[in-house]
Amino acid sequence: MTREAYLAARVLDALLREDYGRLSSRVTRSKDGVALVLAGGGRVRLAPGTLFQDFVVAPEERLDLGAVLGTLAEVADPADARGVAAFSEECAAALAALELHDAHLPEVLARRPSYESRAAFVDHPVYPTSRARPGLTAGELLAYAPEFAPSFELRWAAVPRGMLVPGSARAAFWGDLGAGEALFPVHPLAVDEVRKVARILDGERLRVRPTLSMRTVEIDSCTHLKLPLPTSTLGARNRRTIKPGTLHDGARAELLLRELADPDVLVADEQTFAHTGHEFLAWMVRRLPAGRIVPVAALNAPGVLAELRDVLGDVLPAYLRILLRWNVRLFVRYGVALEAHQQNLSLVFADGGMKLLVKDNDGLLASPARLAAAGVAVPDFADERMLTDDPHALADMFVTITLHLAAAAVVFGALPHAEAAALLRDTLSDALAEHGDDPMARLLRARTLDAARLTGKSMITAGTLMTKERSGARDVNKFYGTSGPNYLRRA
C-alpha cells in the first residue's frame, strides 16, 4: 500500500467514526457487503471495525486522498469551509512527512534513535494526520522532528525581568545577564516570533534532542525542557505555544498527583518554569527519575517490547495492572481523571523493577466535592475547566484517554484481538473489584465493562473542521459525541 492510500484510509475511517456531515448516511448494505459512496459515485468497501468504530475501510481498498477530501467537501456545511481547507492542508503535510520519513529511515536507524524517536515512528491511534506540523518545511522537519532523531542547539533571548509573571523561576536560572534581563531558552523554530518581543542573542549553546512531543526537548536522560513552537499538532486549534497559566496549573496538578500516587507510580517534577504572559516566551524544566525510561507510545514501535522482555519479562500485563489500578482508584476515591495518554506516560525500569511515570498534567479533571470528602485540598487551578463534579464528564475522560489510548491502543497493537481483549477486560475487572459497591465504581463499570458501546472523541471535528462556536466545545480535547463497539465485552 502506498503512503497516500494508507493515509486516505485513515482519514476516511476518522471522518466515518465521527460521522462528520452525516457521512454514515452514505453507507449502503447489499448482498455484496457494506460500502460507502464517495463524491462522484465511487464505492469504497467497508469491513467490520475492531477498535473504536463499527466499520473501517476494507484492507484491500486502495484509496485516492483527493477522492476522500472531495467527499469531505461535499458533505461539509458551508460554515466549515475554512476548517475543511485547513484539514486538507493537514493531510498534505501529513503525507509529505510520511514520505519524508520513509526516504530517510535508513539514516535515522543508523543513528540508533532513542525511545522518544522510536515512539514517533508510531502514528496516533485515532488522529489520522498526526505527522502533520503545518507551516514547517521538509528541512525543518529533518532538523527538529523526533522521528528523524536529530540534535540541535537552542537559541537564547534576553527578556526584561519586568515581563516575568509571578511564580516564574529566578531570573538567573540559566545564567545572569545583569542589566535587569533574564536569559530565556528559545527553540530555533520560534526565533522569529520571539524576536518581535525580546532581544535574540548571538550564538548558540546547549545541544538538545527532540522528544515525542517535539516542543519538549531532552537536555540529558533526566532533564527535559518544554518550549513553545509555532505550529499545531492533532488539529489546527491545538497550537504548540504555551498559554499563560498552563505551567502553573501543571505544577499544581503535579503536587496533587504526588499526594495521591501509588507506590509504583512516579510523577515528573515540573515545578521549575518561567512565563512572560506571551505565548512564545515561556519554558519549563521537567526533571525525571533515574533509570531506563520508555514512553508508552514506544511500546508499539518495532522491536521495543522484545527488548524490554530481556529487562522484565512480559511487560504489558504489569503495565496494565499499574495503569488501571491507579487510575481506577483516582476515579473512585478522589474523582480524578487524567489526560495521561500514551504520550504522557512512560515506564521506568530501575533496580530490577518497573514503575509508571506520569507527566504534563495540566489537562486533568478533578471533582472538588470528592477531593474535599477525602480530605484532600482542592487545587486553585487557573483553568476552571479542570474542575467538575459531573461523574459522567470524569468517566468520558477515563474511557477516551486511560482506556482507549493508554491501554487499548497499546495492547491491541501488540497482541491478537481475543488475547488483548481478555487481558484488558480481566485487568480492569480486578481493579474495579477492589472498590466493591462504591457508587463511583459501579458507574465506571457501567461505562466500561458493561456498556453496550464506548464513548469516543470527535478529534477532527473539534480540532480542525468546526469552530468552537459551531461545535459547542468548551475544550477541543474533551469533545465527545461519537461511540464505538465495546471491545471489552466477550464475543
Protein backbone atom coordinates (compact mmCIF):
# COMPACT_ATOMS: atom_id res chain seq x y z
CA MET A 1 0.00 0.00 0.00
CA THR A 2 1.29 3.46 -0.86
CA ARG A 3 1.52 6.10 1.83
CA GLU A 4 -1.26 8.03 0.11
CA ALA A 5 -3.63 5.04 0.22
CA TYR A 6 -2.70 4.40 3.87
CA LEU A 7 -3.40 7.99 4.86
CA ALA A 8 -6.58 8.21 2.77
CA ALA A 9 -8.00 5.13 4.52
CA ARG A 10 -7.18 6.53 7.96
CA VAL A 11 -8.76 9.87 7.10
CA LEU A 12 -11.94 8.26 5.80
CA ASP A 13 -12.08 5.98 8.87
CA ALA A 14 -11.85 9.01 11.15
CA LEU A 15 -14.49 11.00 9.28
CA LEU A 16 -16.83 7.99 9.36
CA ARG A 17 -16.16 7.38 13.07
CA GLU A 18 -17.02 11.00 13.89
CA ASP A 19 -19.89 10.93 11.37
CA TYR A 20 -18.91 14.39 10.20
CA GLY A 21 -21.52 15.79 7.78
CA ARG A 22 -23.65 12.69 8.42
CA LEU A 23 -21.20 10.66 6.39
CA SER A 24 -22.82 7.48 7.75
CA SER A 25 -25.89 8.23 5.61
CA ARG A 26 -23.75 7.31 2.58
CA VAL A 27 -23.17 3.78 3.88
CA THR A 28 -25.02 1.13 1.86
CA ARG A 29 -25.69 -2.53 2.59
CA SER A 30 -26.34 -5.13 -0.09
CA LYS A 31 -25.66 -8.76 -0.92
CA ASP A 32 -22.18 -7.61 -1.93
CA GLY A 33 -21.47 -6.24 1.54
CA VAL A 34 -21.17 -2.85 3.21
CA ALA A 35 -19.84 0.14 1.26
CA LEU A 36 -19.56 3.91 1.44
CA VAL A 37 -20.44 6.07 -1.56
CA LEU A 38 -17.84 8.75 -2.33
CA ALA A 39 -18.36 12.01 -4.18
CA GLY A 40 -18.78 11.18 -7.84
CA GLY A 41 -20.42 7.84 -7.07
CA GLY A 42 -17.38 5.66 -6.38
CA ARG A 43 -17.90 2.96 -3.77
CA VAL A 44 -15.45 2.00 -1.01
CA ARG A 45 -15.89 -1.39 0.56
CA LEU A 46 -16.05 -1.40 4.36
CA ALA A 47 -15.10 -4.12 6.84
CA PRO A 48 -16.14 -4.60 10.47
CA GLY A 49 -14.11 -2.36 12.78
CA THR A 50 -12.14 -3.71 15.71
CA LEU A 51 -11.37 -0.77 17.97
CA PHE A 52 -13.27 2.50 18.31
CA GLN A 53 -15.73 2.19 15.39
CA ASP A 54 -18.14 -0.18 13.68
CA PHE A 55 -16.78 -0.11 10.14
CA VAL A 56 -13.46 0.79 8.55
CA VAL A 57 -12.13 0.88 5.02
CA ALA A 58 -11.58 -2.72 3.90
CA PRO A 59 -7.88 -3.63 3.87
CA GLU A 60 -7.86 -4.47 0.16
CA GLU A 61 -9.10 -0.98 -0.84
CA ARG A 62 -6.58 1.46 -2.34
CA LEU A 63 -7.99 4.95 -1.95
CA ASP A 64 -7.03 8.24 -3.52
CA LEU A 65 -6.67 11.04 -0.98
CA GLY A 66 -8.24 13.52 -3.37
CA ALA A 67 -11.41 11.42 -3.59
CA VAL A 68 -11.68 11.33 0.20
CA LEU A 69 -11.19 15.07 0.54
CA GLY A 70 -13.65 15.67 -2.29
CA THR A 71 -16.24 13.68 -0.34
CA LEU A 72 -15.44 15.69 2.78
CA ALA A 73 -16.01 18.93 0.87
CA GLU A 74 -19.30 17.61 -0.48
CA VAL A 75 -20.76 16.63 2.93
CA ALA A 76 -19.39 19.68 4.81
CA ASP A 77 -21.55 22.55 5.94
CA PRO A 78 -20.56 25.78 4.11
CA ALA A 79 -19.90 27.32 7.54
CA ASP A 80 -16.99 24.88 7.91
CA ALA A 81 -15.25 25.86 4.67
CA ARG A 82 -12.17 27.25 6.43
CA GLY A 83 -11.91 24.16 8.61
CA VAL A 84 -12.18 21.86 5.61
CA ALA A 85 -9.44 23.81 3.83
CA ALA A 86 -7.23 23.62 6.94
CA PHE A 87 -7.77 19.88 7.21
CA SER A 88 -6.87 19.42 3.55
CA GLU A 89 -3.60 21.24 4.30
CA GLU A 90 -3.07 18.92 7.29
CA CYS A 91 -3.50 15.92 5.01
CA ALA A 92 -0.96 17.26 2.52
CA ALA A 93 1.51 18.00 5.34
CA ALA A 94 0.99 14.54 6.89
CA LEU A 95 1.53 12.77 3.55
CA ALA A 96 4.70 14.76 2.88
CA ALA A 97 6.01 13.94 6.38
CA LEU A 98 5.27 10.23 5.98
CA GLU A 99 7.08 10.08 2.64
CA LEU A 100 9.98 12.12 4.01
CA HIS A 101 10.36 9.72 6.92
CA ASP A 102 10.33 6.71 4.58
CA ALA A 103 13.04 8.29 2.45
CA HIS A 104 15.31 8.98 5.43
CA LEU A 105 14.56 5.92 7.57
CA PRO A 106 17.86 4.08 6.87
CA GLU A 107 19.96 7.02 8.03
CA VAL A 108 17.65 7.60 11.02
CA LEU A 109 18.07 3.98 12.12
CA ALA A 110 21.84 4.30 11.68
CA ARG A 111 21.81 6.96 14.42
CA ARG A 112 20.44 4.40 16.92
CA PRO A 113 17.39 6.53 17.72
CA SER A 114 16.20 6.97 21.30
CA TYR A 115 12.94 5.54 22.61
CA GLU A 116 11.42 9.01 22.19
CA SER A 117 12.31 8.99 18.49
CA ARG A 118 11.14 5.42 18.04
CA ALA A 119 7.83 6.36 19.63
CA ALA A 120 7.46 8.97 16.88
CA PHE A 121 7.59 6.16 14.29
CA VAL A 122 4.12 5.07 15.50
CA ASP A 123 1.14 7.02 14.19
CA HIS A 124 -1.52 8.28 16.60
CA PRO A 125 -4.16 5.58 17.22
CA VAL A 126 -7.12 7.71 16.07
CA TYR A 127 -5.95 11.07 14.70
CA PRO A 128 -5.02 10.32 11.07
CA THR A 129 -2.82 13.34 10.31
CA SER A 130 -0.68 13.18 13.45
CA ARG A 131 2.51 13.56 11.37
CA ALA A 132 1.41 17.00 10.17
CA ARG A 133 3.10 20.10 11.58
CA PRO A 134 1.55 22.80 9.41
CA GLY A 135 3.86 25.61 8.38
CA LEU A 136 7.11 23.66 8.72
CA THR A 137 9.26 22.83 5.71
CA ALA A 138 10.84 19.47 4.92
CA GLY A 139 14.20 20.88 6.04
CA GLU A 140 12.73 21.98 9.36
CA LEU A 141 11.21 18.56 9.94
CA LEU A 142 14.55 16.88 9.27
CA ALA A 143 16.28 19.28 11.65
CA TYR A 144 13.78 19.29 14.53
CA ALA A 145 11.15 16.50 14.36
CA PRO A 146 11.66 13.48 16.65
CA GLU A 147 11.08 10.80 14.00
CA PHE A 148 14.30 11.94 12.30
CA ALA A 149 16.36 11.64 15.53
CA PRO A 150 18.21 14.95 15.10
CA SER A 151 20.10 17.04 17.62
CA PHE A 152 20.42 20.82 17.54
CA GLU A 153 21.40 23.82 19.62
CA LEU A 154 18.91 26.13 21.31
CA ARG A 155 18.85 29.87 20.79
CA TRP A 156 18.58 32.38 23.62
CA ALA A 157 16.71 35.60 24.31
CA ALA A 158 17.31 38.45 26.76
CA VAL A 159 13.96 39.11 28.45
CA PRO A 160 13.31 42.15 30.67
CA ARG A 161 12.73 40.84 34.19
CA GLY A 162 9.68 43.04 34.49
CA MET A 163 7.96 40.77 31.95
CA LEU A 164 8.16 37.70 34.20
CA VAL A 165 4.86 36.65 35.76
CA PRO A 166 4.68 35.80 39.48
CA GLY A 167 5.83 32.25 40.19
CA SER A 168 8.49 32.26 37.49
CA ALA A 169 11.84 30.70 38.35
CA ARG A 170 14.54 33.09 39.46
CA ALA A 171 15.75 35.33 36.68
CA ALA A 172 19.30 33.94 36.75
CA PHE A 173 18.27 30.28 36.41
CA TRP A 174 20.06 29.89 33.07
CA GLY A 175 22.77 32.43 33.86
CA ASP A 176 22.88 36.06 34.96
CA LEU A 177 22.67 38.63 32.19
CA GLY A 178 22.51 41.57 34.55
CA ALA A 179 21.01 44.89 33.45
CA GLY A 180 17.55 43.76 34.52
CA GLU A 181 17.32 40.96 31.96
CA ALA A 182 16.68 37.22 32.25
CA LEU A 183 18.06 34.57 29.91
CA PHE A 184 15.35 32.53 28.16
CA PRO A 185 15.94 29.41 26.04
CA VAL A 186 14.26 29.61 22.63
CA HIS A 187 13.55 26.82 20.17
CA PRO A 188 15.14 27.70 16.80
CA LEU A 189 11.73 27.44 15.12
CA ALA A 190 10.35 30.14 17.43
CA VAL A 191 13.12 32.70 16.94
CA ASP A 192 11.16 34.88 14.51
CA GLU A 193 8.18 35.07 16.87
CA VAL A 194 10.30 35.77 19.95
CA ARG A 195 12.26 38.46 18.11
CA LYS A 196 9.06 40.52 17.95
CA VAL A 197 9.02 40.97 21.76
CA ALA A 198 12.53 40.26 23.03
CA ARG A 199 16.19 40.56 22.07
CA ILE A 200 17.64 37.42 20.47
CA LEU A 201 21.27 36.83 21.45
CA ASP A 202 24.00 35.88 19.03
CA GLY A 203 25.45 32.39 19.26
CA GLU A 204 24.04 29.07 20.40
CA ARG A 205 24.66 26.76 23.31
CA LEU A 206 23.08 23.71 24.91
CA ARG A 207 22.64 20.87 22.42
CA VAL A 208 19.33 19.03 22.75
CA ARG A 209 17.27 16.31 21.08
CA PRO A 210 13.51 16.42 20.43
CA THR A 211 11.19 14.16 22.38
CA LEU A 212 7.99 12.67 21.01
CA SER A 213 6.07 15.90 21.69
CA MET A 214 8.62 17.91 19.62
CA ARG A 215 8.15 21.10 21.64
CA THR A 216 9.79 19.30 24.57
CA VAL A 217 13.48 18.62 24.11
CA GLU A 218 15.89 16.40 26.00
CA ILE A 219 18.90 18.03 27.66
CA ASP A 220 20.02 14.74 29.22
CA SER A 221 18.35 11.49 30.26
CA CYS A 222 16.92 13.04 33.44
CA THR A 223 16.16 16.57 32.20
CA HIS A 224 13.64 17.73 29.62
CA LEU A 225 12.78 21.29 28.60
CA LYS A 226 9.37 22.36 27.30
CA LEU A 227 9.36 25.31 24.87
CA PRO A 228 6.71 26.95 22.65
CA LEU A 229 6.58 26.11 18.94
CA PRO A 230 4.89 27.99 16.06
CA THR A 231 2.90 25.04 14.74
CA SER A 232 -0.06 22.80 15.57
CA THR A 233 -0.44 19.06 16.08
CA LEU A 234 -3.56 16.90 16.33
CA GLY A 235 -5.72 19.69 14.98
CA ALA A 236 -5.35 23.27 13.82
CA ARG A 237 -6.65 24.51 17.19
CA ASN A 238 -4.05 22.55 19.13
CA ARG A 239 -1.36 25.19 18.94
CA ARG A 240 2.03 24.18 20.35
CA THR A 241 2.52 27.52 22.06
CA ILE A 242 2.34 27.76 25.87
CA LYS A 243 -0.57 29.80 27.20
CA PRO A 244 -0.29 31.83 30.41
CA GLY A 245 -1.47 29.79 33.38
CA THR A 246 -0.90 26.30 31.98
CA LEU A 247 2.52 25.89 33.59
CA HIS A 248 1.16 26.99 36.95
CA ASP A 249 -1.78 24.61 36.60
CA GLY A 250 0.52 21.77 35.62
CA ALA A 251 2.63 22.39 38.71
CA ARG A 252 -0.49 22.41 40.92
CA ALA A 253 -1.72 19.19 39.30
CA GLU A 254 1.67 17.58 39.87
CA LEU A 255 1.51 18.27 43.62
CA LEU A 256 -2.00 16.81 43.76
CA LEU A 257 -0.91 13.63 41.99
CA ARG A 258 2.16 13.25 44.19
CA GLU A 259 -0.19 13.19 47.16
CA LEU A 260 -2.41 10.55 45.52
CA ALA A 261 0.20 8.38 43.77
CA ASP A 262 0.51 4.64 44.32
CA PRO A 263 3.94 3.28 45.37
CA ASP A 264 4.61 2.09 41.82
CA VAL A 265 3.71 5.47 40.27
CA LEU A 266 6.16 8.33 39.79
CA VAL A 267 5.26 11.94 38.96
CA ALA A 268 7.71 14.05 36.97
CA ASP A 269 8.96 17.24 38.67
CA GLU A 270 7.52 20.19 36.72
CA GLN A 271 7.87 22.92 39.36
CA THR A 272 10.58 24.97 37.63
CA PHE A 273 9.30 27.27 34.90
CA ALA A 274 9.04 30.86 33.73
CA HIS A 275 6.44 32.74 31.73
CA THR A 276 6.06 36.29 30.49
CA GLY A 277 2.39 36.24 29.52
CA HIS A 278 3.48 35.94 25.87
CA GLU A 279 2.73 32.55 24.30
CA PHE A 280 6.21 32.27 22.73
CA LEU A 281 8.19 33.38 25.80
CA ALA A 282 7.94 30.56 28.29
CA TRP A 283 9.85 27.48 29.41
CA MET A 284 9.53 24.59 31.85
CA VAL A 285 12.19 22.20 33.10
CA ARG A 286 10.97 18.64 33.66
CA ARG A 287 13.12 16.50 35.96
CA LEU A 288 12.81 12.75 35.51
CA PRO A 289 13.85 9.86 37.76
CA ALA A 290 16.94 7.75 37.11
CA GLY A 291 16.54 4.57 35.10
CA ARG A 292 15.69 3.38 31.60
CA ILE A 293 12.69 5.49 30.55
CA VAL A 294 10.46 4.21 27.76
CA PRO A 295 7.44 6.24 26.57
CA VAL A 296 4.31 4.11 26.49
CA ALA A 297 3.82 5.28 22.89
CA ALA A 298 7.05 3.46 22.00
CA LEU A 299 5.71 0.06 23.08
CA ASN A 300 4.17 -0.44 19.63
CA ALA A 301 7.33 0.59 17.78
CA PRO A 302 9.16 -2.29 16.07
CA GLY A 303 11.32 -4.31 18.44
CA VAL A 304 10.70 -2.36 21.64
CA LEU A 305 8.63 -4.93 23.54
CA ALA A 306 11.10 -7.65 22.62
CA GLU A 307 13.94 -5.55 24.05
CA LEU A 308 12.04 -4.93 27.27
CA ARG A 309 11.33 -8.62 27.80
CA ASP A 310 15.04 -9.01 28.41
CA VAL A 311 14.71 -6.46 31.23
CA LEU A 312 11.49 -7.50 32.98
CA GLY A 313 9.78 -10.34 31.13
CA ASP A 314 6.21 -9.78 29.99
CA VAL A 315 5.82 -6.00 30.27
CA LEU A 316 2.24 -5.49 29.06
CA PRO A 317 0.37 -7.23 31.91
CA ALA A 318 2.49 -5.44 34.50
CA TYR A 319 1.93 -2.10 32.80
CA LEU A 320 -1.84 -2.57 32.60
CA ARG A 321 -2.04 -3.56 36.28
CA ILE A 322 -0.25 -0.41 37.42
CA LEU A 323 -2.10 1.86 34.99
CA LEU A 324 -5.63 0.63 35.67
CA ARG A 325 -5.31 0.05 39.40
CA TRP A 326 -4.13 3.62 39.97
CA ASN A 327 -6.47 5.32 37.54
CA VAL A 328 -9.49 3.42 38.88
CA ARG A 329 -8.50 4.39 42.45
CA LEU A 330 -8.12 8.05 41.41
CA PHE A 331 -11.56 7.97 39.80
CA VAL A 332 -13.44 6.15 42.56
CA ARG A 333 -11.89 7.63 45.71
CA TYR A 334 -11.00 11.12 44.59
CA GLY A 335 -12.99 11.92 41.46
CA VAL A 336 -9.83 12.50 39.41
CA ALA A 337 -9.43 11.54 35.75
CA LEU A 338 -6.12 12.03 33.96
CA GLU A 339 -5.46 13.27 30.45
CA ALA A 340 -2.41 10.99 30.55
CA HIS A 341 -2.46 9.30 27.16
CA GLN A 342 0.26 7.17 25.61
CA GLN A 343 2.48 10.24 25.05
CA ASN A 344 2.31 11.50 28.64
CA LEU A 345 3.08 8.14 30.25
CA SER A 346 6.41 6.32 30.43
CA LEU A 347 7.75 3.16 32.00
CA VAL A 348 10.78 3.48 34.25
CA PHE A 349 12.99 0.41 34.61
CA ALA A 350 15.35 0.58 37.58
CA ASP A 351 16.59 -1.71 40.37
CA GLY A 352 15.11 -4.78 38.71
CA GLY A 353 11.56 -3.40 38.67
CA MET A 354 9.22 -1.18 36.70
CA LYS A 355 7.21 1.89 37.66
CA LEU A 356 4.80 4.15 35.79
CA LEU A 357 5.82 7.78 35.20
CA VAL A 358 3.22 10.47 34.51
CA LYS A 359 3.92 13.99 33.22
CA ASP A 360 2.24 17.04 31.67
CA ASN A 361 -0.86 17.05 33.87
CA ASP A 362 -2.45 20.42 33.03
CA GLY A 363 -5.41 18.73 31.32
CA LEU A 364 -6.69 16.52 34.14
CA LEU A 365 -10.21 16.71 35.59
CA ALA A 366 -10.86 16.73 39.33
CA SER A 367 -14.02 16.77 41.45
CA PRO A 368 -13.84 19.40 44.20
CA ALA A 369 -16.58 17.63 46.18
CA ARG A 370 -14.89 14.23 46.13
CA LEU A 371 -11.45 15.65 46.89
CA ALA A 372 -12.86 17.57 49.85
CA ALA A 373 -14.73 14.49 51.10
CA ALA A 374 -11.44 12.56 51.02
CA GLY A 375 -9.67 15.30 52.99
CA VAL A 376 -7.59 16.46 50.02
CA ALA A 377 -7.13 20.16 49.33
CA VAL A 378 -8.70 21.30 46.06
CA PRO A 379 -6.04 22.88 43.79
CA ASP A 380 -6.55 26.51 42.86
CA PHE A 381 -6.46 25.91 39.11
CA ALA A 382 -6.49 28.98 36.89
CA ASP A 383 -8.35 26.98 34.23
CA GLU A 384 -11.78 26.37 35.69
CA ARG A 385 -12.38 23.62 33.11
CA MET A 386 -10.09 21.35 35.17
CA LEU A 387 -12.70 21.13 37.96
CA THR A 388 -16.01 19.32 37.66
CA ASP A 389 -18.34 17.40 39.94
CA ASP A 390 -20.01 15.69 36.98
CA PRO A 391 -19.14 11.98 37.28
CA HIS A 392 -20.00 11.35 33.63
CA ALA A 393 -17.53 14.01 32.49
CA LEU A 394 -14.91 12.19 34.55
CA ALA A 395 -15.98 8.87 33.02
CA ASP A 396 -15.72 10.32 29.50
CA MET A 397 -12.11 11.23 30.23
CA PHE A 398 -11.33 7.82 31.72
CA VAL A 399 -12.80 5.96 28.75
CA THR A 400 -11.31 8.09 25.96
CA ILE A 401 -7.85 8.61 27.47
CA THR A 402 -6.99 5.92 30.02
CA LEU A 403 -8.93 3.07 28.43
CA HIS A 404 -8.75 3.86 24.69
CA LEU A 405 -5.32 5.48 24.28
CA ALA A 406 -3.20 4.44 27.26
CA ALA A 407 -4.48 0.85 27.42
CA ALA A 408 -6.39 -0.46 24.39
CA ALA A 409 -4.35 1.16 21.63
CA VAL A 410 -1.19 -0.31 23.15
CA VAL A 411 -2.35 -3.81 23.99
CA PHE A 412 -4.37 -4.36 20.80
CA GLY A 413 -1.39 -3.08 18.82
CA ALA A 414 0.79 -5.77 20.38
CA LEU A 415 -1.43 -8.86 20.82
CA PRO A 416 -4.05 -10.79 18.85
CA HIS A 417 -7.52 -9.33 19.34
CA ALA A 418 -9.01 -12.03 21.58
CA GLU A 419 -5.92 -12.17 23.79
CA ALA A 420 -5.74 -8.38 24.10
CA ALA A 421 -9.45 -8.10 24.93
CA ALA A 422 -9.22 -10.77 27.63
CA LEU A 423 -6.13 -9.22 29.22
CA LEU A 424 -7.62 -5.74 29.27
CA ARG A 425 -11.04 -6.89 30.45
CA ASP A 426 -9.66 -9.02 33.28
CA THR A 427 -7.20 -6.36 34.46
CA LEU A 428 -9.88 -3.65 34.56
CA SER A 429 -12.31 -6.02 36.30
CA ASP A 430 -9.72 -6.75 39.00
CA ALA A 431 -9.04 -3.03 39.51
CA LEU A 432 -12.76 -2.27 39.90
CA ALA A 433 -13.33 -5.25 42.22
CA GLU A 434 -11.09 -3.65 44.84
CA HIS A 435 -13.78 -0.96 45.33
CA GLY A 436 -16.78 -3.23 45.73
CA ASP A 437 -20.15 -1.48 45.51
CA ASP A 438 -18.85 2.06 45.75
CA PRO A 439 -21.20 4.19 43.58
CA MET A 440 -18.31 5.58 41.54
CA ALA A 441 -17.01 2.05 40.92
CA ARG A 442 -20.49 0.96 39.80
CA LEU A 443 -20.65 3.95 37.46
CA LEU A 444 -17.26 3.21 35.94
CA ARG A 445 -18.15 -0.46 35.48
CA ALA A 446 -21.38 0.57 33.74
CA ARG A 447 -19.47 2.91 31.43
CA THR A 448 -16.77 0.34 30.58
CA LEU A 449 -17.18 -3.41 31.16
CA ASP A 450 -20.97 -3.46 30.99
CA ALA A 451 -21.55 -0.76 28.38
CA ALA A 452 -23.13 -1.64 25.06
CA ARG A 453 -20.90 0.96 23.40
CA LEU A 454 -17.90 3.04 24.44
CA THR A 455 -17.67 6.82 24.21
CA GLY A 456 -15.22 8.33 21.74
CA LYS A 457 -13.84 11.78 20.95
CA SER A 458 -14.55 13.75 17.79
CA MET A 459 -11.00 14.99 17.40
CA ILE A 460 -11.04 16.17 13.78
CA THR A 461 -14.44 17.82 14.15
CA ALA A 462 -13.46 19.89 17.18
CA GLY A 463 -9.74 20.23 16.47
CA THR A 464 -9.92 21.46 12.88
CA LEU A 465 -13.20 21.20 10.97
CA MET A 466 -15.54 23.20 13.20
CA THR A 467 -15.08 26.38 15.18
CA LYS A 468 -15.89 26.23 18.89
CA GLU A 469 -18.95 28.32 18.18
CA ARG A 470 -20.15 25.70 15.70
CA SER A 471 -19.27 22.60 17.73
CA GLY A 472 -20.11 24.00 21.16
CA ALA A 473 -16.88 22.52 22.57
CA ARG A 474 -15.51 24.28 25.65
CA ASP A 475 -12.29 22.31 25.21
CA VAL A 476 -11.41 20.82 21.81
CA ASN A 477 -9.57 17.99 23.58
CA LYS A 478 -12.68 16.98 25.52
CA PHE A 479 -15.30 16.95 22.79
CA TYR A 480 -17.35 13.77 22.60
CA GLY A 481 -20.40 12.71 20.63
CA THR A 482 -19.20 9.57 18.91
CA SER A 483 -19.15 5.98 20.12
CA GLY A 484 -17.87 2.59 19.06
CA PRO A 485 -18.29 -1.09 19.85
CA ASN A 486 -17.25 -2.27 23.30
CA TYR A 487 -14.08 -4.24 22.68
CA LEU A 488 -14.10 -5.33 26.35
CA ARG A 489 -17.19 -7.50 26.00
CA ARG A 490 -16.88 -11.19 25.32
CA ALA A 491 -17.56 -12.18 21.73
